[in-house]
Amino acid sequence: MVEANPELPVTLIEKRALGVDHTIMGNWLMRSWRMPEEINTTVREHHNSAYCGEYAPYANLVFIADQLLGAQGFGDGVRDTLPQSLLTALGLEQSQLDDALERLNSSEAGLNSIIQQLAA
């Protein structure tokens, strides 16, 4: 369903198909596991670039990671331009994000090896 509608946010597709999206289901799960509130909030708000509550740095960092990985073709990031205000609020520069992606891409073979070992 996601592949057939790449222009739609995955959360909208989930809501249409299931009546709820993964941020809500994940939050329910985190609460049932009695996880700390900063984790609950991060799971619930990680697609909300406008979130500015108590645990905003956590949720915003996951939002940025999701978007960066989406731009690389991974995950469900919508591949939008990151809001400069969000980067500024977190004290990040685009060059730092570019460096992090470069390190991730250069580590792909090693990461795939770890994944294969864990899956065995």
Foldseek 3Di string as FASTA:
>chain_A
DCVVPVQDQQQVVCCVVPVGGQLVVVLVVCVVVVHDPLVSVLSNQLCPCPDDDPNVVSSLVSVVVQLLVVCVVDDRRSVDDRDPVSCVVNVHDVVVVVVVVVVVVVCVVVVVVVVVVVVD
